[in-house]
Amino acid sequence: MRGVEFQEDGFLVLEGFLSAEECVALQQRIGQIVAEMDVPPHCRAEFPPRILNKAEEQQKTQDNTEYFLSSGDKIRFFFEKGVFDEKGNFLVPPEKSINKIDHALHAHDPVFKGATHSSKVQAVARSLGFHMPVVVQSMYIFKQPRIGGKVPAHQDATFLYTEPLGRLLGLWIALEDTTVENGCLWFIPGSHTSGVSRRMVRTPAGSMTGISIRGSDPAWDNSLYVPTEVGRGSLILIHGEVVHKSEQNLSDRSRHVYTFHLMEASGTVWSPENWLQPTAELPFPPLYT
């Protein structure tokens, strides 16, 4: 594998990592999961609509935050804005309403567990020198046609921080063709060498927000970004500190992706301030089986 290129740029595209049939299998399985989903109560609007008082607004914020913060060892659904009416009914087909499904498909669903722990994934990890990789989280991202929102420029280690740095790897598998029009990834090559200046951390128990942002990102030069269009089945390896983003999907085509993160567990400290923490029920599972 082109390890030198990955170390220089902070990302690497491996075309044809999954076959078309393997991509279809993951999409079909996610379709079944969506068909069987229960819409979380906090996602449904109250009818008739009314203005919430301050206490109710705080409770709603806490409910939403808790739903996210407790999703690390579960399969949970996060929706695009404006997909429910005043009665809490879908304004679009349910399968077109979801932004993403987080954060433990790799642990609880056999199909995604198999894809995450496949011999091909293990071979990639070994080629990059991972000795004791563990799976930290997984996400299925839909990037819905026309409404799939942009993801601002960021470094994954802002949210998944390790000491030392350089121990986090994102694997981003395109289940459909990704283009500039439907929201492909954009990278700043070589931007993984300057550390992390912003972190999202948990706040003390009982606080209303649950999370806070520490520090700030530098003003990254927009002219440095390069679009990374890839075909269906491609794998993009993402260094934990490389700067990347995606724009809104303005096309009539979705951009389905299965992505997950690995951490080298040997000699690494997972920050106790990270929003995501392993639990007794779900410690970070070893990749190698």
Protein backbone atom coordinates (compact mmCIF):
# COMPACT_ATOMS: atom_id res chain seq x y z
CA MET A 1 0.00 0.00 0.00
CA ARG A 2 1.10 3.60 -0.60
CA GLY A 3 2.05 4.33 3.00
CA VAL A 4 4.50 7.10 2.14
CA GLU A 5 1.79 9.01 0.29
CA PHE A 6 -0.53 8.66 3.28
CA GLN A 7 2.12 9.95 5.68
CA GLU A 8 2.85 12.93 3.42
CA ASP A 9 -0.73 13.97 2.60
CA GLY A 10 -2.67 12.72 5.62
CA PHE A 11 -5.17 10.88 3.45
CA LEU A 12 -5.12 8.18 0.82
CA VAL A 13 -7.66 6.86 -1.71
CA LEU A 14 -7.86 3.11 -2.35
CA GLU A 15 -10.16 2.57 -5.32
CA GLY A 16 -12.21 -0.62 -5.57
CA PHE A 17 -11.84 -1.57 -1.92
CA LEU A 18 -15.38 -2.97 -1.87
CA SER A 19 -17.15 -4.59 -4.78
CA ALA A 20 -20.48 -3.29 -6.05
CA GLU A 21 -22.15 -6.32 -4.46
CA GLU A 22 -20.58 -5.55 -1.07
CA CYS A 23 -21.78 -1.96 -1.30
CA VAL A 24 -25.31 -3.08 -2.15
CA ALA A 25 -25.34 -5.47 0.81
CA LEU A 26 -24.53 -2.63 3.24
CA GLN A 27 -27.13 -0.35 1.64
CA GLN A 28 -29.78 -3.04 1.78
CA ARG A 29 -29.04 -3.73 5.42
CA ILE A 30 -29.26 -0.05 6.32
CA GLY A 31 -32.58 0.07 4.48
CA GLN A 32 -33.88 -2.68 6.75
CA ILE A 33 -32.64 -0.85 9.85
CA VAL A 34 -34.35 2.36 8.74
CA ALA A 35 -37.61 0.52 7.98
CA GLU A 36 -37.65 -0.83 11.54
CA MET A 37 -36.50 2.33 13.34
CA ASP A 38 -38.37 4.04 16.16
CA VAL A 39 -38.27 7.80 15.81
CA PRO A 40 -36.90 9.25 19.07
CA PRO A 41 -39.57 11.23 20.96
CA HIS A 42 -37.42 14.36 21.16
CA CYS A 43 -37.37 14.53 17.35
CA ARG A 44 -41.16 14.98 17.11
CA ALA A 45 -42.65 18.42 17.39
CA GLU A 46 -45.48 19.08 19.82
CA PHE A 47 -48.95 19.79 18.40
CA PRO A 48 -50.46 22.32 18.59
CA PRO A 49 -47.20 24.22 18.48
CA ARG A 50 -46.45 26.56 21.36
CA ILE A 51 -43.63 28.73 22.60
CA LEU A 52 -41.46 26.96 25.14
CA ASN A 53 -40.51 28.73 28.32
CA LYS A 54 -36.89 28.90 29.44
CA ALA A 55 -37.06 25.80 31.62
CA GLU A 56 -38.63 23.79 28.80
CA GLU A 57 -35.99 25.00 26.35
CA GLN A 58 -33.27 23.91 28.78
CA GLN A 59 -34.89 20.50 29.19
CA LYS A 60 -35.12 20.05 25.43
CA THR A 61 -31.45 20.95 25.08
CA GLN A 62 -30.51 18.48 27.79
CA ASP A 63 -32.62 15.73 26.18
CA ASN A 64 -30.98 16.26 22.78
CA THR A 65 -27.50 16.39 24.30
CA GLU A 66 -28.06 13.25 26.36
CA TYR A 67 -29.36 11.41 23.29
CA PHE A 68 -26.10 12.20 21.51
CA LEU A 69 -23.73 11.68 24.44
CA SER A 70 -25.21 8.28 25.25
CA SER A 71 -25.10 7.07 21.64
CA GLY A 72 -21.52 5.78 21.72
CA ASP A 73 -22.51 2.18 22.45
CA LYS A 74 -25.85 2.22 20.60
CA ILE A 75 -27.41 2.47 17.15
CA ARG A 76 -29.16 5.83 17.04
CA PHE A 77 -30.79 8.02 14.41
CA PHE A 78 -30.05 11.67 13.67
CA PHE A 79 -32.29 13.58 11.27
CA GLU A 80 -31.97 16.43 8.81
CA LYS A 81 -33.61 19.70 9.76
CA GLY A 82 -37.17 20.36 8.66
CA VAL A 83 -38.18 16.75 7.93
CA PHE A 84 -41.06 16.69 10.46
CA ASP A 85 -44.28 18.70 10.38
CA GLU A 86 -46.01 20.28 13.39
CA LYS A 87 -47.58 16.96 14.31
CA GLY A 88 -44.31 15.10 14.18
CA ASN A 89 -45.10 13.36 10.89
CA PHE A 90 -42.50 12.92 8.19
CA LEU A 91 -42.56 15.55 5.45
CA VAL A 92 -40.36 13.31 3.30
CA PRO A 93 -40.06 9.52 3.13
CA PRO A 94 -38.36 8.28 6.32
CA GLU A 95 -35.41 6.88 4.38
CA LYS A 96 -34.84 10.37 2.94
CA SER A 97 -35.03 12.10 6.33
CA ILE A 98 -31.97 10.72 8.09
CA ASN A 99 -28.68 12.56 8.30
CA LYS A 100 -26.74 9.68 9.84
CA ILE A 101 -26.93 6.58 12.02
CA ASP A 102 -24.38 6.48 14.87
CA HIS A 103 -22.22 5.19 16.65
CA ALA A 104 -22.09 1.41 17.16
CA LEU A 105 -23.25 -0.33 14.00
CA HIS A 106 -19.90 -2.14 14.10
CA ALA A 107 -20.80 -3.70 17.45
CA HIS A 108 -24.52 -4.46 17.23
CA ASP A 109 -25.25 -5.33 13.61
CA PRO A 110 -23.73 -8.50 12.13
CA VAL A 111 -23.52 -7.13 8.58
CA PHE A 112 -21.65 -3.99 9.58
CA LYS A 113 -19.56 -5.88 12.12
CA GLY A 114 -18.42 -8.16 9.32
CA ALA A 115 -17.55 -5.23 7.06
CA THR A 116 -15.63 -3.48 9.84
CA HIS A 117 -13.59 -6.53 10.85
CA SER A 118 -13.07 -7.91 7.35
CA SER A 119 -9.75 -9.38 6.32
CA LYS A 120 -9.33 -6.46 3.90
CA VAL A 121 -9.68 -3.87 6.67
CA GLN A 122 -7.31 -5.82 8.88
CA ALA A 123 -4.76 -5.96 6.06
CA VAL A 124 -4.92 -2.18 5.63
CA ALA A 125 -4.42 -1.63 9.36
CA ARG A 126 -1.42 -3.98 9.42
CA SER A 127 0.13 -2.27 6.40
CA LEU A 128 0.00 1.04 8.30
CA GLY A 129 1.73 -0.48 11.31
CA PHE A 130 -1.22 -0.90 13.66
CA HIS A 131 -0.38 -3.53 16.28
CA MET A 132 -3.40 -3.39 18.61
CA PRO A 133 -6.12 -1.41 16.79
CA VAL A 134 -9.54 -1.05 18.40
CA VAL A 135 -12.75 0.19 16.81
CA VAL A 136 -13.81 3.45 18.43
CA GLN A 137 -17.02 4.31 16.60
CA SER A 138 -18.93 3.84 13.35
CA MET A 139 -21.36 5.93 11.31
CA TYR A 140 -23.56 5.51 8.28
CA ILE A 141 -23.91 8.90 6.57
CA PHE A 142 -26.66 9.47 4.00
CA LYS A 143 -25.95 12.96 2.58
CA GLN A 144 -29.50 13.18 1.28
CA PRO A 145 -30.26 14.71 -2.14
CA ARG A 146 -30.74 18.48 -1.97
CA ILE A 147 -30.95 18.59 1.83
CA GLY A 148 -27.76 16.80 2.90
CA GLY A 149 -25.99 19.47 4.91
CA LYS A 150 -22.37 20.61 4.74
CA VAL A 151 -19.79 19.44 7.26
CA PRO A 152 -17.48 22.31 8.24
CA ALA A 153 -13.72 21.96 8.11
CA HIS A 154 -12.43 19.95 11.04
CA GLN A 155 -9.90 17.42 12.33
CA ASP A 156 -11.28 14.15 13.68
CA ALA A 157 -8.94 14.35 16.67
CA THR A 158 -10.85 17.43 17.82
CA PHE A 159 -13.60 15.03 18.86
CA LEU A 160 -11.59 11.82 19.37
CA TYR A 161 -8.43 12.94 21.10
CA THR A 162 -5.51 10.70 21.99
CA GLU A 163 -2.17 11.09 23.70
CA PRO A 164 0.09 10.96 21.87
CA LEU A 165 -1.54 12.25 18.71
CA GLY A 166 -1.24 10.30 15.47
CA ARG A 167 -2.98 7.19 16.80
CA LEU A 168 -6.40 7.74 15.17
CA LEU A 169 -7.39 6.56 11.69
CA GLY A 170 -10.65 7.13 9.86
CA LEU A 171 -11.83 4.66 7.20
CA TRP A 172 -14.40 6.24 4.91
CA ILE A 173 -16.04 3.85 2.43
CA ALA A 174 -18.05 5.33 -0.43
CA LEU A 175 -21.10 3.16 -1.09
CA GLU A 176 -22.05 5.43 -3.99
CA ASP A 177 -20.04 7.61 -6.37
CA THR A 178 -18.99 10.83 -4.64
CA THR A 179 -18.61 14.04 -6.63
CA VAL A 180 -18.30 17.75 -5.98
CA GLU A 181 -22.02 18.05 -6.74
CA ASN A 182 -23.20 15.50 -4.16
CA GLY A 183 -20.78 16.44 -1.40
CA CYS A 184 -17.44 14.67 -1.77
CA LEU A 185 -14.68 15.19 0.78
CA TRP A 186 -12.21 18.05 0.47
CA PHE A 187 -8.76 17.84 2.09
CA ILE A 188 -5.83 20.14 2.81
CA PRO A 189 -2.89 17.85 1.96
CA GLY A 190 -0.21 17.83 4.63
CA SER A 191 -2.37 19.59 7.23
CA HIS A 192 -1.99 16.71 9.70
CA THR A 193 1.43 17.83 10.90
CA SER A 194 0.52 20.89 12.97
CA GLY A 195 -1.33 19.34 15.90
CA VAL A 196 -4.86 20.06 17.12
CA SER A 197 -5.85 23.47 18.43
CA ARG A 198 -9.54 22.84 19.14
CA ARG A 199 -11.17 20.12 21.21
CA MET A 200 -14.71 19.11 22.00
CA VAL A 201 -14.84 17.88 25.61
CA ARG A 202 -17.45 16.69 28.06
CA THR A 203 -18.51 19.19 30.68
CA PRO A 204 -18.97 18.17 34.33
CA ALA A 205 -21.95 15.96 35.10
CA GLY A 206 -25.15 17.92 35.56
CA SER A 207 -24.26 20.80 33.26
CA MET A 208 -26.90 21.79 30.75
CA THR A 209 -24.76 21.66 27.61
CA GLY A 210 -22.96 18.37 28.26
CA ILE A 211 -20.14 19.37 25.92
CA SER A 212 -18.00 22.43 25.34
CA ILE A 213 -15.41 23.60 22.83
CA ARG A 214 -11.89 24.34 24.04
CA GLY A 215 -9.62 26.43 21.83
CA SER A 216 -10.25 27.46 18.23
CA ASP A 217 -9.24 26.44 14.75
CA PRO A 218 -6.85 28.56 12.71
CA ALA A 219 -8.16 30.31 9.60
CA TRP A 220 -7.49 27.59 7.05
CA ASP A 221 -6.90 28.91 3.53
CA ASN A 222 -9.75 27.83 1.26
CA SER A 223 -7.41 27.76 -1.72
CA LEU A 224 -5.53 24.82 -0.16
CA TYR A 225 -8.45 22.38 -0.28
CA VAL A 226 -8.54 19.72 -2.97
CA PRO A 227 -11.74 17.88 -3.88
CA THR A 228 -11.55 14.10 -3.59
CA GLU A 229 -14.08 12.53 -5.93
CA VAL A 230 -14.12 8.74 -5.72
CA GLY A 231 -16.07 5.89 -7.22
CA ARG A 232 -18.38 3.50 -5.48
CA GLY A 233 -16.52 1.03 -3.29
CA SER A 234 -13.52 3.30 -2.75
CA LEU A 235 -11.89 3.61 0.66
CA ILE A 236 -10.42 6.89 1.87
CA LEU A 237 -7.96 6.61 4.75
CA ILE A 238 -8.09 9.73 6.93
CA HIS A 239 -5.36 10.68 9.39
CA GLY A 240 -6.85 11.88 12.68
CA GLU A 241 -5.35 15.35 12.31
CA VAL A 242 -5.81 16.08 8.60
CA VAL A 243 -8.16 18.98 7.86
CA HIS A 244 -11.17 18.02 5.75
CA LYS A 245 -14.73 19.06 5.02
CA SER A 246 -17.69 18.40 2.73
CA GLU A 247 -20.17 20.77 1.15
CA GLN A 248 -23.95 20.53 0.94
CA ASN A 249 -25.40 17.98 -1.44
CA LEU A 250 -26.96 20.12 -4.17
CA SER A 251 -27.60 17.23 -6.53
CA ASP A 252 -30.48 14.81 -7.02
CA ARG A 253 -28.28 11.89 -5.91
CA SER A 254 -27.50 10.72 -2.41
CA ARG A 255 -23.97 10.08 -1.15
CA HIS A 256 -24.09 7.05 1.15
CA VAL A 257 -20.96 6.34 3.17
CA TYR A 258 -20.00 3.85 5.86
CA THR A 259 -17.20 5.19 8.02
CA PHE A 260 -15.50 4.13 11.23
CA HIS A 261 -12.46 5.01 13.32
CA LEU A 262 -9.60 2.90 14.59
CA MET A 263 -7.21 3.74 17.41
CA GLU A 264 -3.86 2.13 18.08
CA ALA A 265 -4.38 0.96 21.66
CA SER A 266 -0.77 0.05 22.41
CA GLY A 267 0.87 2.94 24.25
CA THR A 268 -2.09 5.26 23.69
CA VAL A 269 -4.21 7.15 26.21
CA TRP A 270 -7.81 7.80 25.16
CA SER A 271 -8.67 11.18 26.63
CA PRO A 272 -11.12 10.91 29.55
CA GLU A 273 -12.50 14.27 28.37
CA ASN A 274 -13.65 12.89 25.00
CA TRP A 275 -17.42 12.91 24.50
CA LEU A 276 -17.23 9.23 23.54
CA GLN A 277 -16.13 6.81 26.22
CA PRO A 278 -15.96 3.01 26.25
CA THR A 279 -18.46 1.38 28.57
CA ALA A 280 -18.58 -1.82 30.57
CA GLU A 281 -21.20 -3.07 28.11
CA LEU A 282 -19.15 -2.04 25.09
CA PRO A 283 -15.41 -1.59 25.52
CA PHE A 284 -13.66 -0.63 22.29
CA PRO A 285 -13.48 -3.98 20.44
CA PRO A 286 -10.16 -5.17 18.99
CA LEU A 287 -10.05 -5.07 15.20
CA TYR A 288 -7.97 -8.19 14.79
CA THR A 289 -9.91 -11.39 15.39
